[in-house]
């Protein structure tokens, strides 16, 4: 796999472990990995699209790291009618959130559990 960044091609394997794909990321002390269900809680300074997704359930499609070493979770919204396009990495159906903006959904926090209520802590 080679990333094309315009002025040069970067092979993450040749560059060493710093750009190796991430298996998981720690969110509130819990490992989140590709395929996990999360609830979205965008920051207050989020754009209007992110704010519209507040509280939505999503599936982590990928964990990515940019060239400034920031981690992003690429998610697909569960109730998106174009969810299959998101899983194919098509534009408009994949959204990127920082680890601080998601909450892992477990059997205890599934729809209907107390965590479904809107949080006031933001």
N, C-alpha and C. Protein backbone atom coordinates (compact mmCIF):
# COMPACT_ATOMS: atom_id res chain seq x y z
N UNK A 1 0.85 -1.18 0.00
CA UNK A 1 0.00 0.00 0.00
C UNK A 1 0.89 1.23 0.00
N UNK A 2 0.57 2.20 -0.84
CA UNK A 2 1.33 3.44 -0.91
C UNK A 2 0.37 4.59 -0.79
N UNK A 3 0.73 5.57 0.03
CA UNK A 3 -0.07 6.78 0.16
C UNK A 3 0.51 7.81 -0.80
N UNK A 4 -0.32 8.44 -1.59
CA UNK A 4 0.14 9.50 -2.48
C UNK A 4 -0.17 10.83 -1.81
N UNK A 5 0.87 11.57 -1.48
CA UNK A 5 0.69 12.85 -0.80
C UNK A 5 1.07 14.02 -1.70
N UNK A 6 1.02 13.79 -3.01
CA UNK A 6 1.27 14.88 -3.95
C UNK A 6 2.71 14.97 -4.39
N UNK A 7 3.59 15.37 -3.53
CA UNK A 7 4.97 15.59 -3.92
C UNK A 7 5.86 14.36 -3.75
N UNK A 8 5.36 13.33 -3.07
CA UNK A 8 6.11 12.08 -2.96
C UNK A 8 5.16 10.98 -2.56
N UNK A 9 5.56 9.76 -2.83
CA UNK A 9 4.78 8.61 -2.40
C UNK A 9 5.39 8.08 -1.11
N UNK A 10 4.54 7.74 -0.17
CA UNK A 10 4.99 7.25 1.13
C UNK A 10 4.52 5.83 1.30
N UNK A 11 5.43 4.93 1.50
CA UNK A 11 5.10 3.54 1.78
C UNK A 11 5.17 3.37 3.30
N UNK A 12 4.00 3.19 3.98
CA UNK A 12 4.01 3.14 5.44
C UNK A 12 4.87 2.02 6.00
N UNK A 13 5.02 0.92 5.28
CA UNK A 13 5.87 -0.16 5.77
C UNK A 13 7.33 0.25 5.72
N UNK A 14 7.71 0.99 4.68
CA UNK A 14 9.09 1.43 4.56
C UNK A 14 9.41 2.52 5.56
N UNK A 15 8.42 3.29 5.94
CA UNK A 15 8.64 4.39 6.87
C UNK A 15 8.75 3.91 8.32
N UNK A 16 8.45 2.66 8.58
CA UNK A 16 8.56 2.13 9.94
C UNK A 16 7.22 2.12 10.65
N UNK A 17 7.27 1.86 11.93
CA UNK A 17 6.06 1.67 12.73
C UNK A 17 5.24 2.93 12.93
N UNK A 18 5.83 4.11 12.70
CA UNK A 18 5.10 5.33 12.99
C UNK A 18 3.84 5.49 12.14
N UNK A 19 3.78 4.89 10.95
CA UNK A 19 2.59 4.97 10.12
C UNK A 19 1.92 3.62 9.92
N UNK A 20 2.29 2.65 10.73
CA UNK A 20 1.65 1.34 10.65
C UNK A 20 0.18 1.49 11.04
N UNK A 21 -0.71 0.73 10.41
CA UNK A 21 -2.14 0.82 10.77
C UNK A 21 -2.34 0.52 12.25
N UNK A 22 -3.24 1.26 12.87
CA UNK A 22 -3.53 1.06 14.28
C UNK A 22 -4.57 -0.05 14.45
N UNK A 23 -4.31 -0.94 15.37
CA UNK A 23 -5.25 -2.03 15.67
C UNK A 23 -6.40 -1.53 16.53
N UNK A 24 -6.08 -0.62 17.45
CA UNK A 24 -7.10 -0.10 18.36
C UNK A 24 -6.63 1.24 18.91
N UNK A 25 -7.55 1.93 19.58
CA UNK A 25 -7.24 3.19 20.24
C UNK A 25 -7.97 3.17 21.58
N UNK A 26 -7.36 3.74 22.60
CA UNK A 26 -7.97 3.74 23.93
C UNK A 26 -8.91 4.94 24.05
N UNK A 27 -10.16 4.66 24.40
CA UNK A 27 -11.18 5.68 24.60
C UNK A 27 -11.76 5.48 25.99
N UNK A 28 -11.57 6.44 26.87
CA UNK A 28 -12.04 6.37 28.25
C UNK A 28 -11.60 5.07 28.92
N UNK A 29 -10.35 4.69 28.68
CA UNK A 29 -9.78 3.51 29.33
C UNK A 29 -10.16 2.19 28.69
N UNK A 30 -10.86 2.22 27.56
CA UNK A 30 -11.31 0.99 26.89
C UNK A 30 -10.80 0.99 25.46
N UNK A 31 -10.31 -0.15 25.00
CA UNK A 31 -9.81 -0.26 23.62
C UNK A 31 -10.99 -0.29 22.64
N UNK A 32 -10.93 0.57 21.64
CA UNK A 32 -11.92 0.60 20.56
C UNK A 32 -11.21 0.17 19.30
N UNK A 33 -11.82 -0.76 18.55
CA UNK A 33 -11.20 -1.28 17.33
C UNK A 33 -12.19 -1.25 16.17
N UNK A 34 -11.69 -1.50 14.99
CA UNK A 34 -12.53 -1.53 13.81
C UNK A 34 -13.67 -2.53 14.01
N UNK A 35 -14.88 -2.12 13.64
CA UNK A 35 -16.06 -2.97 13.80
C UNK A 35 -16.84 -2.69 15.07
N UNK A 36 -16.25 -1.97 16.02
CA UNK A 36 -16.95 -1.66 17.28
C UNK A 36 -18.03 -0.61 17.04
N UNK A 37 -19.08 -0.69 17.84
CA UNK A 37 -20.15 0.31 17.81
C UNK A 37 -19.81 1.41 18.79
N UNK A 38 -20.03 2.65 18.34
CA UNK A 38 -19.76 3.80 19.19
C UNK A 38 -20.91 4.78 19.09
N UNK A 39 -21.03 5.62 20.11
CA UNK A 39 -21.99 6.72 20.09
C UNK A 39 -21.17 8.00 19.90
N UNK A 40 -21.67 8.89 19.05
CA UNK A 40 -20.93 10.10 18.69
C UNK A 40 -21.31 11.28 19.58
N UNK A 41 -20.29 11.96 20.10
CA UNK A 41 -20.46 13.15 20.92
C UNK A 41 -19.49 14.21 20.43
N UNK A 42 -19.81 14.89 19.32
CA UNK A 42 -18.89 15.90 18.78
C UNK A 42 -18.63 17.03 19.77
N UNK A 43 -17.45 17.62 19.66
CA UNK A 43 -17.09 18.76 20.50
C UNK A 43 -17.99 19.95 20.20
N UNK A 44 -18.06 20.88 21.12
CA UNK A 44 -18.90 22.07 20.93
C UNK A 44 -18.49 22.90 19.72
N UNK A 45 -17.22 22.86 19.35
CA UNK A 45 -16.76 23.64 18.20
C UNK A 45 -16.88 22.87 16.88
N UNK A 46 -17.68 21.81 16.87
CA UNK A 46 -17.86 20.99 15.67
C UNK A 46 -18.66 21.75 14.62
N UNK A 47 -18.53 21.30 13.38
CA UNK A 47 -19.32 21.93 12.32
C UNK A 47 -20.76 21.40 12.37
N UNK A 48 -21.62 21.96 11.55
CA UNK A 48 -23.05 21.65 11.61
C UNK A 48 -23.32 20.18 11.29
N UNK A 49 -22.56 19.58 10.38
CA UNK A 49 -22.77 18.16 10.06
C UNK A 49 -22.45 17.27 11.26
N UNK A 50 -21.34 17.57 11.93
CA UNK A 50 -20.99 16.78 13.11
C UNK A 50 -22.04 16.96 14.21
N UNK A 51 -22.50 18.19 14.39
CA UNK A 51 -23.51 18.44 15.43
C UNK A 51 -24.80 17.67 15.13
N UNK A 52 -25.15 17.52 13.86
CA UNK A 52 -26.35 16.78 13.49
C UNK A 52 -26.23 15.30 13.82
N UNK A 53 -25.01 14.81 13.99
CA UNK A 53 -24.77 13.40 14.29
C UNK A 53 -24.66 13.13 15.79
N UNK A 54 -24.80 14.15 16.61
CA UNK A 54 -24.67 13.99 18.06
C UNK A 54 -25.63 12.92 18.59
N UNK A 55 -25.07 11.97 19.34
CA UNK A 55 -25.87 10.91 19.95
C UNK A 55 -26.14 9.74 19.04
N UNK A 56 -25.78 9.82 17.77
CA UNK A 56 -26.03 8.73 16.81
C UNK A 56 -25.11 7.56 17.07
N UNK A 57 -25.60 6.38 16.74
CA UNK A 57 -24.79 5.18 16.80
C UNK A 57 -24.05 5.01 15.48
N UNK A 58 -22.80 4.57 15.56
CA UNK A 58 -21.99 4.38 14.38
C UNK A 58 -21.10 3.15 14.57
N UNK A 59 -20.55 2.69 13.46
CA UNK A 59 -19.61 1.57 13.47
C UNK A 59 -18.26 2.11 13.03
N UNK A 60 -17.21 1.74 13.76
CA UNK A 60 -15.86 2.16 13.40
C UNK A 60 -15.43 1.38 12.16
N UNK A 61 -15.23 2.11 11.06
CA UNK A 61 -14.83 1.48 9.80
C UNK A 61 -13.31 1.39 9.71
N UNK A 62 -12.61 2.35 10.30
CA UNK A 62 -11.15 2.35 10.28
C UNK A 62 -10.62 3.26 11.38
N UNK A 63 -9.40 2.99 11.80
CA UNK A 63 -8.68 3.87 12.71
C UNK A 63 -7.49 4.38 11.92
N UNK A 64 -7.42 5.69 11.74
CA UNK A 64 -6.40 6.27 10.89
C UNK A 64 -5.59 7.31 11.64
N UNK A 65 -4.36 7.47 11.19
CA UNK A 65 -3.46 8.45 11.78
C UNK A 65 -2.98 9.36 10.66
N UNK A 66 -3.05 10.67 10.87
CA UNK A 66 -2.62 11.58 9.83
C UNK A 66 -1.12 11.85 9.95
N UNK A 67 -0.59 12.67 9.05
CA UNK A 67 0.85 12.93 9.03
C UNK A 67 1.30 13.83 10.16
N UNK A 68 0.36 14.35 10.93
CA UNK A 68 0.71 15.11 12.13
C UNK A 68 0.53 14.24 13.37
N UNK A 69 0.37 12.93 13.15
CA UNK A 69 0.27 11.91 14.19
C UNK A 69 -1.01 12.01 15.02
N UNK A 70 -2.06 12.63 14.47
CA UNK A 70 -3.35 12.67 15.14
C UNK A 70 -4.16 11.45 14.72
N UNK A 71 -4.88 10.88 15.68
CA UNK A 71 -5.68 9.69 15.42
C UNK A 71 -7.11 10.11 15.12
N UNK A 72 -7.70 9.50 14.10
CA UNK A 72 -9.08 9.76 13.71
C UNK A 72 -9.80 8.42 13.56
N UNK A 73 -11.04 8.38 14.00
CA UNK A 73 -11.87 7.20 13.79
C UNK A 73 -12.77 7.49 12.60
N UNK A 74 -12.69 6.67 11.57
CA UNK A 74 -13.60 6.78 10.43
C UNK A 74 -14.81 5.92 10.79
N UNK A 75 -15.98 6.56 10.84
CA UNK A 75 -17.18 5.83 11.25
C UNK A 75 -18.24 5.90 10.17
N UNK A 76 -19.13 4.91 10.21
CA UNK A 76 -20.29 4.85 9.33
C UNK A 76 -21.51 4.84 10.23
N UNK A 77 -22.46 5.71 9.96
CA UNK A 77 -23.65 5.85 10.80
C UNK A 77 -24.56 4.65 10.59
N UNK A 78 -25.02 4.05 11.70
CA UNK A 78 -25.83 2.83 11.61
C UNK A 78 -27.13 3.03 10.84
N UNK A 79 -27.81 4.16 11.02
CA UNK A 79 -29.10 4.32 10.35
C UNK A 79 -28.99 5.07 9.02
N UNK A 80 -27.78 5.17 8.48
CA UNK A 80 -27.58 5.81 7.18
C UNK A 80 -28.04 4.85 6.08
N UNK A 81 -29.00 5.27 5.23
CA UNK A 81 -29.44 4.39 4.14
C UNK A 81 -28.30 4.06 3.17
N UNK A 82 -27.27 4.88 3.15
CA UNK A 82 -26.12 4.62 2.29
C UNK A 82 -24.96 4.00 3.04
N UNK A 83 -25.26 3.32 4.13
CA UNK A 83 -24.21 2.73 4.97
C UNK A 83 -23.27 1.83 4.17
N UNK A 84 -23.80 1.08 3.23
CA UNK A 84 -22.95 0.19 2.43
C UNK A 84 -21.90 0.99 1.65
N UNK A 85 -22.26 2.21 1.22
CA UNK A 85 -21.30 3.06 0.53
C UNK A 85 -20.20 3.52 1.48
N UNK A 86 -20.55 3.78 2.73
CA UNK A 86 -19.56 4.15 3.73
C UNK A 86 -18.57 3.03 3.98
N UNK A 87 -19.08 1.80 4.00
CA UNK A 87 -18.19 0.66 4.22
C UNK A 87 -17.26 0.45 3.01
N UNK A 88 -17.66 0.99 1.86
CA UNK A 88 -16.81 0.95 0.66
C UNK A 88 -15.91 2.18 0.57
N UNK A 89 -15.92 3.01 1.63
CA UNK A 89 -15.10 4.22 1.73
C UNK A 89 -15.47 5.28 0.71
N UNK A 90 -16.75 5.39 0.43
CA UNK A 90 -17.23 6.40 -0.51
C UNK A 90 -17.48 7.73 0.22
N UNK A 91 -17.23 8.84 -0.45
CA UNK A 91 -17.44 10.15 0.17
C UNK A 91 -18.90 10.36 0.58
N UNK A 92 -19.08 11.10 1.65
CA UNK A 92 -20.42 11.44 2.11
C UNK A 92 -21.05 10.43 3.04
N UNK A 93 -20.43 9.28 3.20
CA UNK A 93 -21.01 8.25 4.06
C UNK A 93 -20.01 7.75 5.10
N UNK A 94 -18.86 8.38 5.18
CA UNK A 94 -17.84 8.12 6.21
C UNK A 94 -17.58 9.45 6.89
N UNK A 95 -17.52 9.40 8.20
CA UNK A 95 -17.29 10.61 8.98
C UNK A 95 -16.11 10.37 9.91
N UNK A 96 -15.37 11.43 10.19
CA UNK A 96 -14.17 11.30 11.00
C UNK A 96 -14.35 12.03 12.33
N UNK A 97 -14.04 11.31 13.40
CA UNK A 97 -14.14 11.85 14.75
C UNK A 97 -12.87 11.50 15.51
N UNK A 98 -12.52 12.37 16.46
CA UNK A 98 -11.37 12.07 17.32
C UNK A 98 -11.81 11.05 18.37
N UNK A 99 -10.87 10.35 18.97
CA UNK A 99 -11.23 9.39 20.02
C UNK A 99 -11.99 10.04 21.18
N UNK A 100 -11.75 11.33 21.43
CA UNK A 100 -12.44 12.02 22.52
C UNK A 100 -13.91 12.29 22.20
N UNK A 101 -14.30 12.12 20.96
CA UNK A 101 -15.67 12.43 20.54
C UNK A 101 -16.56 11.20 20.42
N UNK A 102 -16.06 10.04 20.84
CA UNK A 102 -16.86 8.82 20.75
C UNK A 102 -16.93 8.12 22.10
N UNK A 103 -17.95 7.30 22.22
CA UNK A 103 -18.16 6.50 23.43
C UNK A 103 -18.46 5.08 22.96
N UNK A 104 -17.69 4.11 23.45
CA UNK A 104 -17.92 2.72 23.08
C UNK A 104 -19.29 2.28 23.55
N UNK A 105 -20.03 1.62 22.68
CA UNK A 105 -21.35 1.10 23.03
C UNK A 105 -21.19 -0.37 23.40
N UNK A 106 -21.61 -0.69 24.59
CA UNK A 106 -21.57 -2.07 25.07
C UNK A 106 -23.00 -2.57 25.24
N UNK A 107 -23.16 -3.81 25.63
CA UNK A 107 -24.50 -4.36 25.85
C UNK A 107 -25.25 -3.54 26.90
N UNK A 108 -24.51 -2.99 27.89
CA UNK A 108 -25.13 -2.18 28.94
C UNK A 108 -25.56 -0.80 28.44
N UNK A 109 -24.92 -0.32 27.36
CA UNK A 109 -25.23 1.02 26.87
C UNK A 109 -25.96 1.00 25.53
N UNK A 110 -26.58 -0.12 25.22
CA UNK A 110 -27.34 -0.24 23.97
C UNK A 110 -28.55 0.69 24.02
N UNK A 111 -29.22 0.93 22.88
CA UNK A 111 -30.38 1.82 22.88
C UNK A 111 -31.37 1.46 23.97
N UNK A 112 -31.82 2.49 24.66
CA UNK A 112 -32.78 2.27 25.75
C UNK A 112 -32.12 2.32 27.12
N UNK A 113 -30.79 2.19 27.16
CA UNK A 113 -30.07 2.27 28.43
C UNK A 113 -29.96 3.74 28.84
N UNK A 114 -29.63 4.01 30.09
CA UNK A 114 -29.57 5.39 30.57
C UNK A 114 -28.64 6.29 29.76
N UNK A 115 -27.59 5.74 29.13
CA UNK A 115 -26.66 6.56 28.36
C UNK A 115 -27.32 7.17 27.14
N UNK A 116 -28.51 6.73 26.76
CA UNK A 116 -29.21 7.26 25.60
C UNK A 116 -29.68 8.69 25.82
N UNK A 117 -29.77 9.12 27.07
CA UNK A 117 -30.24 10.46 27.35
C UNK A 117 -29.20 11.47 26.91
N UNK A 118 -29.62 12.66 26.53
CA UNK A 118 -28.69 13.69 26.11
C UNK A 118 -27.84 14.11 27.29
N UNK A 119 -26.53 14.17 27.06
CA UNK A 119 -25.62 14.54 28.13
C UNK A 119 -25.51 16.04 28.23
N UNK A 120 -25.45 16.55 29.47
CA UNK A 120 -25.34 17.98 29.72
C UNK A 120 -23.90 18.41 30.00
N UNK A 121 -22.96 17.47 30.07
CA UNK A 121 -21.62 17.79 30.50
C UNK A 121 -20.80 18.51 29.45
N UNK A 122 -21.29 18.69 28.26
CA UNK A 122 -20.50 19.37 27.21
C UNK A 122 -20.76 20.81 27.20
